[in-house]
């Protein structure tokens, strides 16, 4: 089955180049040339991947990303930008992007990133057996298919990456993951040197699900390694 890809990029030459190679990957491609038109396409269609330029007319890529995620649209986003500073990468990832590629980029690297995202999504779907579609631990309930998390009767608002982190940890209670492993498994690509991004996501996730941050009930720290989900009954 063909993948549906949305490219939001204001440079027609780049759109044409990406379209050619995405077609070779058996993808159908739709294109938006401004932030506004791209956002409308993202809201109105169903896609397997969104390729999003950071510097766009009318609405920049970060705002487009924020609004896509605000719509509870969890389509993977590969962000493209001419900016190479670390802070831009961190902002892009923490806004909800799944991967980040700096212009000018090698087309082989672009293809590798796209394949990695498709592979990660496929692996997650295969790993989530029907029995694991709903996870319960004490007052915490996770509906994986509906991407819904509740504590008691309270519904929690999690970002896509917070949700993915929680699901990965909760489906493997007691298993300790290093920050590098979490980056690779949840973001789908190895962001060497960005382990602090995992820390900030874990801290925000804990602030939403834990009653006492000094004595967490669900997400525990494995000293010298990383994090694990509580496996005590």
Protein backbone atom coordinates (compact mmCIF):
# COMPACT_ATOMS: atom_id res chain seq x y z
CA UNK A 1 0.00 0.00 0.00
CA UNK A 2 1.32 3.41 -0.97
CA UNK A 3 2.30 5.86 1.76
CA UNK A 4 0.70 9.30 1.75
CA UNK A 5 3.22 12.11 2.32
CA UNK A 6 2.62 15.84 2.71
CA UNK A 7 5.52 18.18 1.85
CA UNK A 8 5.23 21.73 3.23
CA UNK A 9 8.05 23.67 1.56
CA UNK A 10 8.14 27.02 -0.26
CA UNK A 11 10.95 26.12 -2.70
CA UNK A 12 9.40 24.42 -5.79
CA UNK A 13 12.73 22.88 -6.79
CA UNK A 14 13.09 21.16 -3.41
CA UNK A 15 9.47 19.99 -3.59
CA UNK A 16 10.10 18.51 -7.04
CA UNK A 17 13.31 16.79 -5.86
CA UNK A 18 11.65 15.30 -2.78
CA UNK A 19 8.62 14.22 -4.78
CA UNK A 20 10.76 12.29 -7.27
CA UNK A 21 12.52 10.34 -4.51
CA UNK A 22 9.37 9.83 -2.45
CA UNK A 23 7.65 8.43 -5.54
CA UNK A 24 10.55 5.97 -5.81
CA UNK A 25 9.70 4.90 -2.23
CA UNK A 26 6.13 4.16 -3.39
CA UNK A 27 4.68 7.32 -1.84
CA UNK A 28 1.95 9.64 -3.05
CA UNK A 29 2.93 13.26 -2.46
CA UNK A 30 0.81 16.35 -1.75
CA UNK A 31 2.47 19.76 -1.43
CA UNK A 32 1.78 23.03 0.36
CA UNK A 33 3.97 26.03 -0.47
CA UNK A 34 3.07 28.24 2.51
CA UNK A 35 2.61 27.55 6.18
CA UNK A 36 -1.08 28.36 5.92
CA UNK A 37 -1.83 26.15 2.92
CA UNK A 38 0.29 23.32 4.35
CA UNK A 39 -1.54 23.48 7.66
CA UNK A 40 -4.90 23.29 5.90
CA UNK A 41 -3.76 20.23 3.96
CA UNK A 42 -2.48 18.62 7.18
CA UNK A 43 -5.84 19.21 8.85
CA UNK A 44 -7.96 18.01 5.94
CA UNK A 45 -6.04 14.91 4.85
CA UNK A 46 -4.64 11.71 6.36
CA UNK A 47 -0.92 11.24 5.88
CA UNK A 48 1.76 8.76 6.89
CA UNK A 49 4.44 11.47 7.03
CA UNK A 50 4.66 15.27 6.96
CA UNK A 51 7.87 16.89 5.72
CA UNK A 52 7.90 20.42 7.10
CA UNK A 53 10.23 23.30 6.30
CA UNK A 54 11.01 25.59 9.22
CA UNK A 55 11.21 28.88 7.28
CA UNK A 56 7.87 29.31 5.52
CA UNK A 57 5.85 32.32 4.34
CA UNK A 58 2.68 33.30 6.24
CA UNK A 59 3.22 30.80 9.08
CA UNK A 60 6.57 29.37 10.15
CA UNK A 61 7.20 25.67 10.51
CA UNK A 62 7.33 25.66 14.31
CA UNK A 63 3.85 27.20 14.50
CA UNK A 64 2.55 24.79 11.87
CA UNK A 65 3.97 21.92 13.94
CA UNK A 66 2.39 23.27 17.13
CA UNK A 67 -1.02 23.62 15.50
CA UNK A 68 -0.86 20.14 13.94
CA UNK A 69 -0.15 18.64 17.36
CA UNK A 70 -2.82 20.83 18.96
CA UNK A 71 -5.31 19.11 16.64
CA UNK A 72 -4.20 15.79 18.22
CA UNK A 73 -2.73 14.85 14.86
CA UNK A 74 0.16 12.49 15.59
CA UNK A 75 1.42 12.02 12.04
CA UNK A 76 5.25 11.76 12.07
CA UNK A 77 6.92 15.07 11.15
CA UNK A 78 10.35 15.39 9.56
CA UNK A 79 11.46 19.01 9.89
CA UNK A 80 13.72 20.66 7.31
CA UNK A 81 15.61 23.88 7.98
CA UNK A 82 18.60 25.94 6.92
CA UNK A 83 19.29 26.64 10.59
CA UNK A 84 21.91 24.38 12.14
CA UNK A 85 22.10 25.75 15.70
CA UNK A 86 21.48 23.22 18.46
CA UNK A 87 18.72 25.32 20.01
CA UNK A 88 16.71 25.16 16.76
CA UNK A 89 16.98 21.38 16.73
CA UNK A 90 15.87 21.15 20.34
CA UNK A 91 12.91 23.51 19.80
CA UNK A 92 11.84 21.56 16.72
CA UNK A 93 11.98 18.23 18.52
CA UNK A 94 10.26 19.47 21.65
CA UNK A 95 7.51 21.14 19.62
CA UNK A 96 6.57 17.71 18.31
CA UNK A 97 8.78 16.98 15.32
CA UNK A 98 9.99 13.38 15.02
CA UNK A 99 13.21 14.11 13.18
CA UNK A 100 15.28 17.03 11.97
CA UNK A 101 17.34 17.50 8.80
CA UNK A 102 19.48 20.57 8.09
CA UNK A 103 19.73 22.08 4.60
CA UNK A 104 21.61 21.52 2.43
CA UNK A 105 21.15 17.80 2.94
CA UNK A 106 22.30 14.72 1.08
CA UNK A 107 19.33 13.10 -0.65
CA UNK A 108 20.53 9.68 0.52
CA UNK A 109 20.37 10.88 4.11
CA UNK A 110 16.86 12.22 3.48
CA UNK A 111 15.77 8.84 2.13
CA UNK A 112 17.39 7.11 5.12
CA UNK A 113 15.51 9.35 7.55
CA UNK A 114 12.18 8.75 5.81
CA UNK A 115 12.72 4.98 5.82
CA UNK A 116 13.68 5.13 9.52
CA UNK A 117 10.44 6.92 10.38
CA UNK A 118 8.32 4.43 8.40
CA UNK A 119 10.23 1.56 10.01
CA UNK A 120 9.73 2.97 13.52
CA UNK A 121 5.98 3.40 12.98
CA UNK A 122 5.70 -0.13 11.59
CA UNK A 123 7.64 -1.59 14.53
CA UNK A 124 5.44 0.22 17.05
CA UNK A 125 2.28 -1.00 15.34
CA UNK A 126 3.53 -4.59 15.25
CA UNK A 127 4.67 -4.47 18.87
CA UNK A 128 1.32 -3.29 20.14
CA UNK A 129 -0.55 -6.57 20.27
CA UNK A 130 -4.30 -6.39 20.95
CA UNK A 131 -3.72 -7.37 24.56
CA UNK A 132 -1.47 -4.35 24.97
CA UNK A 133 -3.85 -1.82 23.46
CA UNK A 134 -4.97 -0.99 26.97
CA UNK A 135 -2.47 -0.75 29.81
CA UNK A 136 -3.47 -0.35 33.45
CA UNK A 137 -1.27 0.14 36.48
CA UNK A 138 -2.93 1.23 39.69
CA UNK A 139 -4.83 4.46 38.88
CA UNK A 140 -3.05 4.96 35.57
CA UNK A 141 -4.86 3.81 32.42
CA UNK A 142 -3.46 4.03 28.89
CA UNK A 143 -5.54 3.48 25.77
CA UNK A 144 -2.84 3.04 23.13
CA UNK A 145 -5.14 3.00 20.10
CA UNK A 146 -7.02 6.15 21.16
CA UNK A 147 -3.84 7.76 22.57
CA UNK A 148 -5.71 8.51 25.78
CA UNK A 149 -4.24 8.55 29.29
CA UNK A 150 -6.17 8.93 32.53
CA UNK A 151 -5.32 9.01 36.22
CA UNK A 152 -8.47 7.95 38.02
CA UNK A 153 -11.19 10.00 36.31
CA UNK A 154 -8.82 12.74 35.14
CA UNK A 155 -7.86 12.77 31.44
CA UNK A 156 -4.28 13.93 30.90
CA UNK A 157 -3.03 16.10 28.03
CA UNK A 158 0.25 14.60 26.85
CA UNK A 159 2.39 15.67 23.91
CA UNK A 160 3.08 13.00 21.25
CA UNK A 161 6.57 12.30 22.59
CA UNK A 162 5.41 12.20 26.21
CA UNK A 163 2.78 9.65 25.19
CA UNK A 164 5.26 7.56 23.20
CA UNK A 165 7.73 7.56 26.10
CA UNK A 166 5.03 6.49 28.53
CA UNK A 167 3.80 3.68 26.27
CA UNK A 168 7.30 2.35 25.66
CA UNK A 169 8.12 2.28 29.36
CA UNK A 170 4.70 0.97 30.47
CA UNK A 171 4.70 -1.90 27.96
CA UNK A 172 8.02 -3.07 29.39
CA UNK A 173 7.68 -2.61 33.18
CA UNK A 174 10.89 -3.11 35.10
CA UNK A 175 13.09 -2.78 32.01
CA UNK A 176 15.63 0.04 32.30
CA UNK A 177 16.32 2.20 29.25
CA UNK A 178 19.27 4.52 28.82
CA UNK A 179 18.65 8.01 27.51
CA UNK A 180 20.34 7.03 24.24
CA UNK A 181 17.99 4.05 23.84
CA UNK A 182 14.94 6.22 24.49
CA UNK A 183 16.10 8.75 21.90
CA UNK A 184 16.58 6.01 19.35
CA UNK A 185 13.33 4.16 20.05
CA UNK A 186 10.96 7.09 20.60
CA UNK A 187 12.39 9.66 18.23
CA UNK A 188 13.30 6.99 15.69
CA UNK A 189 16.79 8.32 15.06
CA UNK A 190 19.99 8.56 17.06
CA UNK A 191 20.42 12.14 18.26
CA UNK A 192 23.83 11.86 19.86
CA UNK A 193 24.32 14.61 22.42
CA UNK A 194 20.62 15.37 22.94
CA UNK A 195 20.08 13.15 25.96
CA UNK A 196 18.92 16.22 27.93
CA UNK A 197 15.87 16.28 25.65
CA UNK A 198 14.85 12.94 27.16
CA UNK A 199 15.34 14.34 30.67
CA UNK A 200 13.09 17.33 29.96
CA UNK A 201 10.38 15.11 28.46
CA UNK A 202 10.54 12.70 31.41
CA UNK A 203 10.33 15.61 33.87
CA UNK A 204 7.27 17.08 32.12
CA UNK A 205 5.66 13.63 31.90
CA UNK A 206 6.25 13.03 35.59
CA UNK A 207 4.75 16.42 36.45
CA UNK A 208 1.54 15.27 34.76
CA UNK A 209 1.21 11.71 36.09
CA UNK A 210 3.01 11.66 39.42
CA UNK A 211 1.41 12.81 42.66
CA UNK A 212 4.76 13.25 44.44
CA UNK A 213 7.74 14.11 42.22
CA UNK A 214 10.14 13.28 45.05
CA UNK A 215 8.67 9.80 45.34
CA UNK A 216 7.45 8.81 41.85
CA UNK A 217 4.97 5.96 41.60
CA UNK A 218 5.12 5.18 37.88
CA UNK A 219 8.35 6.30 36.17
CA UNK A 220 11.40 5.43 38.24
CA UNK A 221 15.04 6.40 37.82
CA UNK A 222 17.56 3.60 37.44
CA UNK A 223 20.70 5.27 38.73
CA UNK A 224 23.61 5.10 36.33
CA UNK A 225 21.40 3.84 33.49
CA UNK A 226 18.23 5.83 32.83
CA UNK A 227 14.54 5.20 33.47
CA UNK A 228 12.10 2.33 33.95
CA UNK A 229 8.39 1.83 34.62
CA UNK A 230 7.44 0.50 38.04
CA UNK A 231 6.88 -3.27 38.03
CA UNK A 232 5.81 -3.65 41.66
CA UNK A 233 2.28 -5.03 41.95
